[in-house]
Amino acid sequence: MITPHPQVLRDLLSRYATARLAHEEHPGDRTRRVLEDVSYTLCVTTATTDVPHALAAAEILLGGAASPVREPAGEPAREAEALAAA
């Protein structure tokens, strides 16, 4: 797997957090499309298929550095660790 540059991951995590907050505060087609777009990009960048796995993979790829978005740890984190080790 090609490892994304840490700054790219940080930027995507920041964009995801911003889009998620914007959609929660102002739900609508535009904010939903922005959230879906950044979610897709985050998943592609981390080679995952859903946002919880993408967030867990990003955290692992960043070496556990604090990220702007935190999701509950669990199964996605274990799968992402296996992915990062491959």
Protein backbone atom coordinates (compact mmCIF):
# COMPACT_ATOMS: atom_id res chain seq x y z
CA MET A 1 0.00 0.00 0.00
CA ILE A 2 1.17 3.50 -0.78
CA THR A 3 1.32 5.48 2.44
CA PRO A 4 -0.17 8.97 2.24
CA HIS A 5 1.87 11.92 3.40
CA PRO A 6 1.02 12.84 7.03
CA GLN A 7 0.07 16.41 6.10
CA VAL A 8 -2.37 15.10 3.48
CA LEU A 9 -4.04 12.98 6.17
CA ARG A 10 -4.16 15.88 8.62
CA ASP A 11 -5.72 18.11 5.97
CA LEU A 12 -8.32 15.46 5.11
CA LEU A 13 -9.16 14.92 8.77
CA SER A 14 -9.60 18.65 9.21
CA ARG A 15 -11.78 18.89 6.09
CA TYR A 16 -13.86 15.93 7.32
CA ALA A 17 -14.37 17.50 10.75
CA THR A 18 -15.35 20.82 9.18
CA ALA A 19 -17.75 19.18 6.71
CA ARG A 20 -19.30 17.00 9.40
CA LEU A 21 -19.89 19.97 11.68
CA ALA A 22 -21.28 22.08 8.84
CA HIS A 23 -23.71 19.32 7.87
CA GLU A 24 -24.82 18.83 11.48
CA GLU A 25 -25.41 22.56 11.91
CA HIS A 26 -26.98 23.18 8.48
CA PRO A 27 -28.25 19.91 7.01
CA GLY A 28 -28.94 20.14 3.32
CA ASP A 29 -27.94 18.87 -0.09
CA ARG A 30 -24.86 21.08 -0.37
CA THR A 31 -23.39 20.19 3.02
CA ARG A 32 -24.26 16.52 2.47
CA ARG A 33 -22.41 16.49 -0.86
CA VAL A 34 -19.35 18.13 0.68
CA LEU A 35 -19.36 15.61 3.54
CA GLU A 36 -19.79 12.68 1.13
CA ASP A 37 -16.97 13.98 -1.07
CA VAL A 38 -14.44 14.39 1.73
CA SER A 39 -15.54 11.07 3.27
CA TYR A 40 -14.92 9.30 -0.05
CA THR A 41 -11.51 10.96 -0.41
CA LEU A 42 -10.55 9.99 3.13
CA CYS A 43 -11.56 6.38 2.49
CA VAL A 44 -9.65 6.20 -0.80
CA THR A 45 -6.58 7.78 0.76
CA THR A 46 -6.55 5.29 3.64
CA ALA A 47 -7.59 2.30 1.46
CA THR A 48 -10.70 1.67 3.55
CA THR A 49 -14.38 1.32 2.72
CA ASP A 50 -16.07 3.42 5.41
CA VAL A 51 -15.41 6.46 7.54
CA PRO A 52 -14.88 4.74 10.93
CA HIS A 53 -12.21 2.51 9.36
CA ALA A 54 -10.70 5.49 7.54
CA LEU A 55 -10.44 7.49 10.77
CA ALA A 56 -8.85 4.55 12.59
CA ALA A 57 -6.40 3.97 9.73
CA ALA A 58 -5.49 7.67 9.61
CA GLU A 59 -4.76 7.68 13.33
CA ILE A 60 -2.52 4.64 12.97
CA LEU A 61 -0.76 6.06 9.92
CA LEU A 62 -0.15 9.28 11.83
CA GLY A 63 1.44 7.26 14.62
CA GLY A 64 -1.36 7.83 17.08
CA ALA A 65 -0.97 11.60 16.86
CA ALA A 66 -3.99 13.53 18.01
CA SER A 67 -6.34 14.12 15.14
CA PRO A 68 -9.16 16.66 14.88
CA VAL A 69 -11.75 13.87 14.67
CA ARG A 70 -12.16 11.07 17.19
CA GLU A 71 -14.44 8.09 16.72
CA PRO A 72 -14.87 5.25 19.20
CA ALA A 73 -12.04 2.73 19.02
CA GLY A 74 -12.80 -0.91 18.47
CA GLU A 75 -12.93 -3.26 15.53
CA PRO A 76 -12.01 -0.59 12.94
CA ALA A 77 -8.81 0.17 14.83
CA ARG A 78 -7.73 -3.48 14.83
CA GLU A 79 -8.46 -3.85 11.12
CA ALA A 80 -6.62 -0.62 10.35
CA GLU A 81 -3.58 -1.81 12.32
CA ALA A 82 -3.52 -5.00 10.26
CA LEU A 83 -3.81 -2.89 7.10
CA ALA A 84 -0.96 -0.60 8.15
CA ALA A 85 1.25 -3.62 8.94
CA ALA A 86 0.71 -5.10 5.47
